[in-house]
N, C-alpha and C. Protein backbone atom coordinates (compact mmCIF):
# COMPACT_ATOMS: atom_id res chain seq x y z
N ASP A 1 113.16 7.05 153.19
CA ASP A 1 114.27 7.84 152.68
C ASP A 1 114.14 9.26 153.17
N GLU A 2 114.97 9.65 154.11
CA GLU A 2 114.89 10.95 154.76
C GLU A 2 115.16 12.10 153.79
N GLY A 3 116.08 11.92 152.83
CA GLY A 3 116.46 12.98 151.92
C GLY A 3 115.37 13.42 150.98
N ARG A 4 114.47 12.54 150.61
CA ARG A 4 113.45 12.92 149.64
C ARG A 4 112.34 13.76 150.25
N ASN A 5 112.25 13.83 151.57
CA ASN A 5 111.23 14.63 152.23
C ASN A 5 111.73 16.02 152.60
N ARG A 6 112.90 16.39 152.15
CA ARG A 6 113.47 17.70 152.44
C ARG A 6 112.84 18.76 151.55
N LEU A 7 112.86 19.98 152.02
CA LEU A 7 112.37 21.12 151.25
C LEU A 7 113.24 21.29 150.01
N ARG A 8 112.60 21.46 148.89
CA ARG A 8 113.34 21.70 147.65
C ARG A 8 113.13 23.16 147.28
N ILE A 9 114.21 23.85 147.11
CA ILE A 9 114.18 25.28 146.81
C ILE A 9 113.72 25.46 145.37
N PRO A 10 112.78 26.40 145.13
CA PRO A 10 112.34 26.64 143.75
C PRO A 10 113.48 27.13 142.89
N MET A 11 113.41 26.80 141.62
CA MET A 11 114.44 27.29 140.71
C MET A 11 113.78 28.10 139.61
N THR A 12 114.51 29.07 139.10
CA THR A 12 114.02 29.85 137.98
C THR A 12 114.55 29.21 136.71
N LEU A 13 113.66 28.95 135.78
CA LEU A 13 114.04 28.32 134.53
C LEU A 13 114.57 29.35 133.55
N PRO A 14 115.47 28.93 132.65
CA PRO A 14 115.93 29.85 131.61
C PRO A 14 114.74 30.30 130.76
N GLU A 15 114.84 31.46 130.18
CA GLU A 15 113.74 32.08 129.43
C GLU A 15 113.07 31.14 128.42
N PRO A 16 113.80 30.41 127.55
CA PRO A 16 113.13 29.57 126.56
C PRO A 16 112.31 28.44 127.15
N MET A 17 112.65 27.99 128.37
CA MET A 17 111.96 26.85 128.96
C MET A 17 110.80 27.26 129.85
N MET A 18 110.59 28.55 130.06
CA MET A 18 109.53 29.00 130.96
C MET A 18 108.16 28.61 130.43
N SER A 19 107.29 28.30 131.35
CA SER A 19 105.92 27.99 130.97
C SER A 19 105.17 29.30 130.73
N THR A 20 103.92 29.18 130.32
CA THR A 20 103.11 30.37 130.07
C THR A 20 102.46 30.89 131.34
N ASP A 21 102.74 30.25 132.47
CA ASP A 21 102.19 30.72 133.74
C ASP A 21 102.74 32.10 134.07
N SER A 22 102.07 32.80 134.98
CA SER A 22 102.50 34.15 135.33
C SER A 22 103.78 34.15 136.15
N SER A 23 104.11 33.06 136.81
CA SER A 23 105.30 33.00 137.64
C SER A 23 106.37 32.15 136.97
N PRO A 24 107.62 32.63 136.92
CA PRO A 24 108.69 31.85 136.32
C PRO A 24 109.25 30.80 137.27
N VAL A 25 108.73 30.73 138.49
CA VAL A 25 109.26 29.81 139.48
C VAL A 25 108.57 28.46 139.35
N GLN A 26 109.37 27.42 139.25
CA GLN A 26 108.87 26.06 139.17
C GLN A 26 109.41 25.31 140.37
N THR A 27 108.65 24.37 140.91
CA THR A 27 109.15 23.56 142.02
C THR A 27 109.15 22.11 141.62
N TYR A 28 109.90 21.33 142.36
CA TYR A 28 109.99 19.91 142.09
C TYR A 28 108.89 19.13 142.80
N LEU A 29 108.10 19.76 143.64
CA LEU A 29 107.08 19.06 144.41
C LEU A 29 105.73 19.02 143.73
N LEU A 30 105.62 19.55 142.53
CA LEU A 30 104.34 19.56 141.84
C LEU A 30 104.01 18.17 141.32
N SER A 31 102.78 17.76 141.47
CA SER A 31 102.33 16.48 140.95
C SER A 31 102.00 16.64 139.47
N PRO A 32 102.22 15.58 138.70
CA PRO A 32 101.88 15.68 137.27
C PRO A 32 100.37 15.74 137.08
N ASP A 33 99.93 16.42 136.02
CA ASP A 33 98.52 16.44 135.69
C ASP A 33 98.09 15.05 135.23
N ILE A 34 96.87 14.68 135.56
CA ILE A 34 96.35 13.37 135.19
C ILE A 34 95.12 13.56 134.33
N ASP A 35 95.10 12.90 133.19
CA ASP A 35 93.97 12.97 132.28
C ASP A 35 92.98 11.87 132.67
N VAL A 36 91.89 12.24 133.36
CA VAL A 36 90.93 11.25 133.82
C VAL A 36 90.10 10.70 132.68
N HIS A 37 90.17 11.32 131.51
CA HIS A 37 89.42 10.82 130.36
C HIS A 37 90.22 9.79 129.58
N ASP A 38 91.45 9.58 129.97
CA ASP A 38 92.31 8.62 129.30
C ASP A 38 91.72 7.22 129.49
N SER A 39 91.78 6.40 128.45
CA SER A 39 91.19 5.06 128.52
C SER A 39 91.90 4.17 129.53
N SER A 40 93.15 4.49 129.87
CA SER A 40 93.86 3.68 130.85
C SER A 40 93.43 3.99 132.28
N PHE A 41 92.67 5.07 132.47
CA PHE A 41 92.17 5.44 133.80
C PHE A 41 90.95 4.59 134.10
N ASN A 42 91.02 3.78 135.13
CA ASN A 42 89.87 2.95 135.51
C ASN A 42 89.64 3.06 137.01
N ARG A 43 88.68 2.30 137.49
CA ARG A 43 88.32 2.39 138.90
C ARG A 43 89.49 2.04 139.81
N ASP A 44 90.20 0.98 139.49
CA ASP A 44 91.36 0.61 140.31
C ASP A 44 92.42 1.70 140.26
N GLY A 45 92.62 2.28 139.07
CA GLY A 45 93.58 3.37 138.94
C GLY A 45 93.17 4.55 139.78
N GLY A 46 91.87 4.82 139.86
CA GLY A 46 91.38 5.91 140.69
C GLY A 46 91.70 5.71 142.15
N PHE A 47 91.52 4.47 142.64
CA PHE A 47 91.85 4.18 144.03
C PHE A 47 93.35 4.31 144.26
N TYR A 48 94.13 3.88 143.28
CA TYR A 48 95.58 4.02 143.39
C TYR A 48 95.95 5.50 143.49
N LEU A 49 95.31 6.33 142.68
CA LEU A 49 95.60 7.76 142.71
C LEU A 49 95.21 8.37 144.05
N LEU A 50 94.10 7.93 144.63
CA LEU A 50 93.71 8.43 145.94
C LEU A 50 94.77 8.10 146.98
N ARG A 51 95.29 6.88 146.91
CA ARG A 51 96.33 6.49 147.86
C ARG A 51 97.58 7.35 147.65
N LYS A 52 97.93 7.59 146.40
CA LYS A 52 99.08 8.42 146.11
C LYS A 52 98.84 9.86 146.59
N ASP A 53 97.62 10.37 146.41
CA ASP A 53 97.31 11.72 146.89
C ASP A 53 97.46 11.80 148.40
N SER A 54 97.00 10.77 149.11
CA SER A 54 97.14 10.79 150.57
C SER A 54 98.61 10.74 150.97
N GLU A 55 99.41 10.01 150.21
CA GLU A 55 100.85 9.98 150.48
C GLU A 55 101.46 11.36 150.22
N ARG A 56 101.01 12.02 149.18
CA ARG A 56 101.51 13.37 148.88
C ARG A 56 101.14 14.34 150.00
N ARG A 57 99.90 14.25 150.48
CA ARG A 57 99.47 15.12 151.58
C ARG A 57 100.30 14.85 152.83
N GLN A 58 100.55 13.58 153.12
CA GLN A 58 101.33 13.22 154.29
C GLN A 58 102.76 13.76 154.17
N THR A 59 103.34 13.64 152.99
CA THR A 59 104.68 14.17 152.75
C THR A 59 104.70 15.68 152.90
N LEU A 60 103.68 16.35 152.36
CA LEU A 60 103.60 17.81 152.46
C LEU A 60 103.50 18.25 153.92
N VAL A 61 102.68 17.57 154.70
CA VAL A 61 102.55 17.90 156.13
C VAL A 61 103.89 17.73 156.82
N HIS A 62 104.58 16.64 156.52
CA HIS A 62 105.88 16.39 157.13
C HIS A 62 106.88 17.50 156.78
N ILE A 63 106.92 17.88 155.51
CA ILE A 63 107.83 18.94 155.07
C ILE A 63 107.48 20.26 155.73
N LEU A 64 106.19 20.60 155.78
CA LEU A 64 105.78 21.86 156.39
C LEU A 64 106.11 21.91 157.87
N GLU A 65 105.94 20.78 158.56
CA GLU A 65 106.26 20.74 159.99
C GLU A 65 107.77 20.83 160.21
N GLN A 66 108.51 20.10 159.41
CA GLN A 66 109.96 20.01 159.60
C GLN A 66 110.68 21.30 159.19
N ASP A 67 110.25 21.91 158.10
CA ASP A 67 110.97 23.05 157.53
C ASP A 67 110.16 24.33 157.53
N SER A 68 109.22 24.48 158.45
CA SER A 68 108.33 25.65 158.43
C SER A 68 109.11 26.96 158.54
N GLN A 69 110.10 27.02 159.40
CA GLN A 69 110.88 28.25 159.56
C GLN A 69 111.62 28.60 158.27
N LYS A 70 112.21 27.61 157.64
CA LYS A 70 112.95 27.82 156.39
C LYS A 70 112.00 28.27 155.28
N ILE A 71 110.83 27.64 155.20
CA ILE A 71 109.84 28.00 154.18
C ILE A 71 109.39 29.45 154.37
N CYS A 72 109.07 29.81 155.60
CA CYS A 72 108.61 31.18 155.88
C CYS A 72 109.70 32.20 155.57
N THR A 73 110.94 31.89 155.90
CA THR A 73 112.05 32.79 155.62
C THR A 73 112.21 33.01 154.12
N ILE A 74 112.15 31.94 153.35
CA ILE A 74 112.29 32.04 151.89
C ILE A 74 111.13 32.84 151.31
N TRP A 75 109.90 32.54 151.74
CA TRP A 75 108.73 33.28 151.24
C TRP A 75 108.84 34.76 151.57
N LEU A 76 109.24 35.08 152.80
CA LEU A 76 109.37 36.48 153.20
C LEU A 76 110.43 37.19 152.36
N ASP A 77 111.57 36.53 152.15
CA ASP A 77 112.62 37.11 151.31
C ASP A 77 112.11 37.36 149.89
N MET A 78 111.36 36.41 149.35
CA MET A 78 110.82 36.57 148.00
C MET A 78 109.80 37.71 147.94
N LEU A 79 108.97 37.84 148.97
CA LEU A 79 108.01 38.94 149.03
C LEU A 79 108.71 40.30 149.08
N HIS A 80 109.76 40.38 149.90
CA HIS A 80 110.51 41.63 149.99
C HIS A 80 111.17 41.96 148.66
N ARG A 81 111.73 40.95 148.01
CA ARG A 81 112.39 41.16 146.72
C ARG A 81 111.36 41.60 145.67
N ASP A 82 110.21 40.94 145.63
CA ASP A 82 109.16 41.31 144.67
C ASP A 82 108.64 42.72 144.94
N ALA A 83 108.47 43.07 146.21
CA ALA A 83 107.98 44.41 146.56
C ALA A 83 109.00 45.47 146.16
N THR A 84 110.27 45.16 146.32
CA THR A 84 111.33 46.09 145.94
C THR A 84 111.37 46.27 144.43
N MET A 85 111.13 45.20 143.69
CA MET A 85 111.13 45.28 142.22
C MET A 85 109.93 46.07 141.73
N SER A 86 108.80 45.94 142.40
CA SER A 86 107.57 46.63 142.00
C SER A 86 107.60 48.11 142.35
N ASN A 87 108.20 48.42 143.49
CA ASN A 87 108.24 49.81 143.99
C ASN A 87 109.68 50.18 144.36
N PRO A 88 110.54 50.43 143.38
CA PRO A 88 111.96 50.72 143.69
C PRO A 88 112.16 52.01 144.44
């Protein structure tokens, strides 16, 4: 599926939904946290997670290669905006 490997632009969440992290920007490419102490986590599950991690890395490499110019442009724009907000 070609569409799912596209760059997803970060979105700013409304104030009540923001996490306690220092940045209000959330992305859709974050992997969920996994509780390895959970009783459902077993050796087979661990191997499954490794395979999924390798798939995530492969997808990330593909996205970075395909959309590197767009990613750099967005990051640079955000840096300029943040610098302007910090030092008006």
